[in-house]
Structures are given as structure tokens and as C-alpha cells.
Protein backbone atom coordinates (compact mmCIF):
# COMPACT_ATOMS: atom_id res chain seq x y z
CA MET A 1 13.43 8.69 -10.14
CA ARG A 2 13.85 9.17 -5.64
CA ALA A 3 11.73 12.43 -4.79
CA PRO A 4 13.36 14.84 -2.27
CA PRO A 5 11.58 14.15 1.51
CA SER A 6 9.49 17.11 1.18
CA SER A 7 7.45 15.07 -1.40
CA LEU A 8 6.46 12.54 1.34
CA ARG A 9 3.20 14.15 2.12
CA GLY A 10 2.15 12.89 -1.91
CA GLY A 11 0.34 15.28 -3.72
CA ARG A 12 1.61 15.69 -7.55
CA ASN A 13 4.36 15.12 -9.75
CA SER A 14 3.38 15.04 -13.06
CA GLY A 15 5.80 15.62 -15.42
CA PRO A 16 4.99 16.77 -19.50
CA GLY A 17 3.93 13.17 -21.06
CA ARG A 18 0.87 13.51 -18.60
CA ARG A 19 -2.20 13.35 -20.81
CA GLY A 20 -5.91 12.59 -21.66
CA SER A 21 -7.12 9.48 -22.99
CA GLY A 22 -5.43 8.34 -26.33
CA ALA A 23 -2.62 6.47 -28.26
CA TYR A 24 -2.08 4.67 -24.56
CA ASP A 25 -5.71 4.33 -22.88
CA ARG A 26 -7.05 0.39 -24.32
CA GLY A 27 -6.14 -2.21 -22.94
CA VAL A 28 -3.78 -0.85 -20.11
CA ARG A 29 -2.07 -3.06 -17.70
CA LEU A 30 -1.48 -2.40 -14.04
CA TYR A 31 2.00 -4.29 -12.54
CA LEU A 32 1.81 -4.29 -8.57
CA ALA A 33 4.92 -3.72 -6.71
CA SER A 34 3.74 -5.92 -4.09
CA THR A 35 2.79 -9.86 -2.75
CA SER A 36 0.19 -9.36 -1.06
CA PRO A 37 -2.78 -11.62 -0.67
CA ALA A 38 -4.86 -8.78 -0.06
CA ARG A 39 -4.09 -6.79 -2.45
CA LEU A 40 -4.12 -9.10 -4.83
CA ALA A 41 -7.86 -10.28 -4.09
CA THR A 42 -8.87 -6.44 -3.25
CA LEU A 43 -8.06 -5.64 -7.36
CA ARG A 44 -9.12 -8.91 -8.49
CA GLY A 45 -12.37 -7.91 -7.24
CA ALA A 46 -12.53 -4.54 -8.83
CA GLY A 47 -11.98 -6.25 -12.47
CA ILE A 48 -8.46 -6.30 -12.17
CA GLU A 49 -5.70 -8.97 -13.24
CA PRO A 50 -2.51 -7.09 -12.21
CA VAL A 51 1.13 -8.33 -13.07
CA ALA A 52 2.33 -9.23 -9.49
CA ILE A 53 6.66 -8.05 -8.52
CA ALA A 54 7.97 -8.04 -5.42
CA PRO A 55 9.81 -5.31 -4.55
CA GLY A 56 12.49 -6.19 -2.20
CA VAL A 57 13.14 -2.76 -0.98
CA ASP A 58 14.61 -2.45 2.56
CA GLU A 59 11.76 -0.75 4.13
CA GLU A 60 14.25 -0.12 7.24
CA ALA A 61 17.15 1.32 5.63
CA ALA A 62 15.01 3.42 4.02
CA VAL A 63 12.56 5.09 6.97
CA ALA A 64 16.65 5.56 8.45
CA GLU A 65 18.32 7.37 5.80
CA THR A 66 14.79 9.68 5.28
CA GLU A 67 14.43 10.52 8.94
CA ALA A 68 18.11 11.19 9.15
CA GLN A 69 18.20 13.57 5.81
CA LEU A 70 14.64 15.35 7.41
CA GLY A 71 16.17 15.06 11.05
CA ARG A 72 13.32 14.08 13.10
CA PRO A 73 11.24 10.83 12.79
CA LEU A 74 8.54 10.24 10.22
CA GLU A 75 4.82 10.71 10.34
CA ALA A 76 2.76 7.57 9.62
CA ALA A 77 1.17 9.60 6.42
CA GLU A 78 5.05 10.37 5.57
CA LEU A 79 6.22 6.66 6.54
CA VAL A 80 4.10 4.75 4.48
CA GLN A 81 4.19 7.25 1.23
CA LEU A 82 7.68 7.10 1.72
CA LEU A 83 7.78 3.46 0.99
CA ALA A 84 4.80 3.64 -1.29
CA GLN A 85 6.93 5.20 -3.63
CA ARG A 86 10.07 3.20 -2.99
CA LYS A 87 8.29 0.44 -4.03
CA SER A 88 6.60 1.50 -7.13
CA GLU A 89 10.08 2.96 -8.24
CA ALA A 90 11.90 -0.44 -7.69
CA VAL A 91 9.96 -2.01 -10.37
CA LEU A 92 12.22 0.19 -12.42
CA ASP A 93 14.79 -2.13 -11.60
CA PRO A 94 16.04 -4.68 -14.16
CA ALA A 95 17.20 -7.04 -11.12
CA VAL A 96 13.64 -6.90 -9.62
CA LEU A 97 11.73 -7.33 -12.96
CA ALA A 98 14.37 -10.16 -13.47
CA THR A 99 12.79 -11.98 -10.67
CA ALA A 100 9.82 -12.06 -12.16
CA GLY A 101 10.65 -13.09 -15.16
CA LEU A 102 10.14 -9.57 -16.98
CA ALA A 103 12.29 -6.87 -18.92
CA LEU A 104 12.42 -3.19 -18.57
CA ALA A 105 11.09 -3.42 -22.26
CA ASP A 106 8.03 -5.21 -20.97
CA LEU A 107 6.74 -2.50 -18.74
CA ASP A 108 4.18 -1.14 -20.46
CA GLY A 109 1.40 0.53 -18.23
CA PHE A 110 0.73 1.80 -14.88
CA ILE A 111 2.93 1.11 -11.83
CA PHE A 112 1.69 1.02 -8.50
CA GLY A 113 3.25 0.66 -4.71
CA GLY A 114 1.59 0.74 -1.63
CA ASP A 115 2.09 0.59 2.28
CA SER A 116 0.33 0.14 5.47
CA ALA A 117 0.96 0.88 9.03
CA PHE A 118 -1.64 0.97 11.99
CA GLU A 119 -1.47 4.89 14.49
CA LEU A 120 -2.33 3.95 18.00
CA ASP A 121 -1.30 6.92 20.62
CA GLY A 122 0.73 8.51 18.18
CA THR A 123 2.76 5.21 18.01
CA ILE A 124 3.15 3.93 14.87
CA TYR A 125 3.03 -0.04 14.27
CA GLY A 126 4.08 -2.18 11.31
CA LYS A 127 4.19 -6.20 10.92
CA PRO A 128 4.75 -7.64 14.40
CA HIS A 129 5.97 -11.03 12.71
CA GLU A 130 6.30 -12.57 16.41
CA PRO A 131 3.66 -13.94 18.05
CA HIS A 132 4.69 -12.25 21.44
CA ILE A 133 5.00 -9.13 19.61
CA ALA A 134 1.25 -9.61 18.51
CA ARG A 135 -0.78 -10.47 21.62
CA GLU A 136 1.11 -7.60 23.23
CA ARG A 137 -0.51 -5.23 20.37
CA TRP A 138 -3.97 -6.90 20.68
CA LEU A 139 -4.15 -6.87 24.60
CA LEU A 140 -3.70 -3.13 24.09
CA GLN A 141 -5.67 -2.25 21.36
CA ARG A 142 -8.68 -4.32 22.25
CA GLY A 143 -11.92 -1.89 23.17
CA ARG A 144 -10.10 0.78 21.59
CA SER A 145 -9.75 2.72 18.24
CA GLY A 146 -6.50 3.57 16.15
CA VAL A 147 -5.78 5.00 12.30
CA LEU A 148 -4.97 2.80 9.38
CA HIS A 149 -2.76 4.79 7.12
CA SER A 150 -2.34 3.35 3.55
CA GLY A 151 0.21 5.13 0.83
CA HIS A 152 -0.18 4.51 -2.53
CA TRP A 153 2.39 5.88 -5.07
CA LEU A 154 1.72 5.16 -9.32
CA ILE A 155 3.74 5.51 -11.89
CA ASP A 156 2.26 6.06 -15.80
CA HIS A 157 4.92 3.88 -16.93
CA ARG A 158 2.86 3.72 -20.44
CA GLY A 159 4.42 3.65 -23.91
CA GLY A 160 7.44 2.14 -22.20
CA ALA A 161 9.15 5.38 -20.90
CA VAL A 162 8.39 6.67 -17.04
CA ARG A 163 5.91 9.87 -18.49
CA ALA A 164 4.61 11.18 -14.46
CA ALA A 165 3.73 9.67 -11.11
CA VAL A 166 0.83 10.63 -8.67
CA GLY A 167 1.07 9.28 -4.76
CA ARG A 168 -1.32 10.26 -1.66
CA ALA A 169 -1.94 8.62 1.79
CA SER A 170 -5.25 7.16 2.75
CA ARG A 171 -6.81 6.65 6.49
CA ALA A 172 -9.58 5.00 7.91
CA VAL A 173 -10.29 4.63 11.82
CA VAL A 174 -10.61 1.23 13.20
CA HIS A 175 -12.79 0.21 16.23
CA PHE A 176 -11.89 -2.80 17.58
CA ALA A 177 -14.74 -4.44 19.56
CA ASP A 178 -14.19 -4.20 23.57
CA ASP A 179 -15.76 -7.69 24.39
CA ILE A 180 -12.50 -9.41 22.82
CA GLU A 181 -11.69 -12.81 25.09
CA THR A 182 -8.06 -13.40 25.49
CA TYR A 183 -8.40 -16.90 24.63
CA GLU A 184 -9.69 -15.58 20.72
CA ILE A 185 -6.30 -12.93 20.60
CA ASP A 186 -4.31 -16.78 21.21
CA ALA A 187 -6.58 -18.71 18.74
CA TYR A 188 -5.98 -15.62 16.28
CA ILE A 189 -2.29 -15.25 16.79
CA ALA A 190 -1.73 -19.00 16.38
CA THR A 191 -3.24 -18.96 12.99
CA GLY A 192 -0.44 -16.56 11.95
CA GLU A 193 -2.51 -14.36 10.25
CA PRO A 194 -1.82 -11.36 12.44
CA LEU A 195 1.72 -11.29 12.06
CA LYS A 196 2.10 -10.48 8.31
CA VAL A 197 -0.15 -7.11 8.17
CA ALA A 198 0.10 -3.62 9.84
CA GLY A 199 -1.53 -3.30 13.17
CA ALA A 200 -1.53 -7.36 13.53
CA PHE A 201 -4.90 -7.63 11.92
CA THR A 202 -7.26 -7.72 8.81
CA ILE A 203 -10.34 -6.96 7.83
CA ASP A 204 -10.75 -9.31 5.16
CA ALA A 205 -10.14 -12.54 6.81
CA ARG A 206 -10.54 -13.65 10.21
CA GLY A 207 -9.69 -10.84 11.77
CA ALA A 208 -13.18 -9.17 10.73
CA GLY A 209 -15.17 -10.68 13.98
CA PHE A 210 -12.67 -8.41 16.26
CA ILE A 211 -13.21 -5.24 14.50
CA ASP A 212 -16.42 -3.51 15.23
CA ARG A 213 -16.65 -0.49 12.55
CA ILE A 214 -14.45 1.44 9.91
CA GLU A 215 -14.32 5.11 9.33
CA GLY A 216 -13.82 5.92 6.44
CA ASP A 217 -12.70 4.04 3.16
CA PRO A 218 -12.44 -0.10 4.51
CA HIS A 219 -10.15 -0.94 1.65
CA THR A 220 -7.57 1.88 2.96
CA VAL A 221 -7.18 -1.25 5.60
CA VAL A 222 -6.87 -3.77 3.57
CA GLY A 223 -3.96 -1.69 2.18
CA LEU A 224 -5.40 -0.30 -0.68
CA SER A 225 -7.73 2.21 -1.28
CA ILE A 226 -9.37 1.58 -4.53
CA PRO A 227 -11.51 4.73 -4.73
CA LEU A 228 -7.87 6.57 -4.48
CA LEU A 229 -6.33 4.45 -6.94
CA ARG A 230 -9.09 4.91 -9.24
CA ARG A 231 -8.47 8.61 -8.95
CA LEU A 232 -4.90 8.54 -9.43
CA VAL A 233 -5.12 7.02 -12.58
CA HIS A 234 -7.28 10.04 -13.62
CA GLU A 235 -4.87 12.26 -12.62
CA LEU A 236 -2.03 11.07 -14.81
CA GLY A 237 -4.15 11.06 -17.62
CA GLY A 238 -6.11 7.39 -18.28
CA ARG A 239 -9.48 6.00 -18.28
CA TRP A 240 -9.33 3.85 -15.15
CA THR A 241 -12.32 1.04 -16.46
CA ASN A 242 -9.44 0.42 -19.47
CA LEU A 243 -7.48 -1.41 -16.37
CA TRP A 244 -10.25 -4.14 -16.35
CA ASN A 245 -9.54 -7.25 -17.98
CA ARG A 246 -10.67 -10.03 -15.38
């Protein structure tokens, strides 16, 4: 179900199974192709208890392969859309499902994949992983502004078969405080929190104190825009409120 590189900018990729309210509209399950605590908490706050599945995507290999096909580096929005799509599609792999104790026959609902990246001065930053890398980024970005890009890919698998898929990236401008002390940066990094998130910061946890304001949907910074997800569900002919199960 891999889309060609030309589809990386998002948009619509819908098939003949697209439909409005009907037989598949009641009690719809959402499968989350992610183990991100922030995405899970965001969905729960919106009234949705998803089935979380680790997609196990080799992100570096996926990006390298696509950039080789295109003959150029991916832009930030393209990159997050590519990885969001790959993660969502990975859930259709029986081997991936088996890790969550599921089989392909169990899938009946929507499959969501998301990915995020932070862009500053035209450079794309993912997860720092190492403390010294996170520190370098914070020393660079404090007192400045950057753009957080989040990719969204939603597969309609209602009725136990792939019907259609849609995807789009969202963005939000993040303004960091200009009075962040170096000791605060070191203490923040010591918590381990910034090592596993795009751009080395969060808005829904300890990092919130270092961010002055957000331009755009704050959920984008968490890695999942709830308003955009709702619109994607509607584009696939679903009803947002039928995903509420909490």
C-alpha cells in the first residue's frame, strides 16, 4: 500500500470504498500506530481509547530510500508525512500485529500513524537521543522560534479491509523563552524527557515552562492535531463522535 513519492505532501488518496454514515459508523475503533505516551494521552483526553501498536518502522531507511528516489532531501512536511504513512501501513503487517496479540482479521476501524519533526533555520531536527545533542539544540533554540511539523495518515479499515486513506501535515510555530538559564537546560536534560521527542522539547510536560507561546494548534506540538484528525475521519466518511469510547 506504499504511495509513490508524489503523494508525500499529503492530500487525499481515497478509493471506491469511501462512504458516508452507514453500516460501519457505530462504535468505530481507532488503532494507533505509535507507542508515544503524548499521543496516547491526547487521544484519551479527546474521549478515545485507541489500540496502541508499535509499528517498528526503520525511519532512517525509509527516508534514505525516498530521498534516493526523489534525488533530493525531503522537506520537513514531506518527511513527517512519509513516516506517518509508513507507520500506519505497518500495522497491516501480520508480524507487527502479532506483537500486540492481534491478527489481521481483528482489524476493524481506522488506523492512524503520526510523526513529528522540528525545523529551525531550515534544518530539520528529530529526536536527539543523546544528552549532549539535546543540550546543543537547547542552547541554539532558546530565545528563538521554530516550526514543529506533524504528519498524519489515516487508513479506513472498517469492515476488515482497506477502503481508502487520507493524510495531511500540520504545523505550529513554537516561541521559546529568551530567559532560559543554562542550569535549567541541564536540569531538563537530566530528566531524560527531551531525549525522545522531536526538537528536544515538550509542551505537555516539563518543557512547557520554557515555551512562551504557540502559533497554531497546540496539539500539533504534541504530535497529533485532534482537529485535523477529526477532519480526516470525516473525509473518509466516518463520524468523529463514533470514535468516542471513554
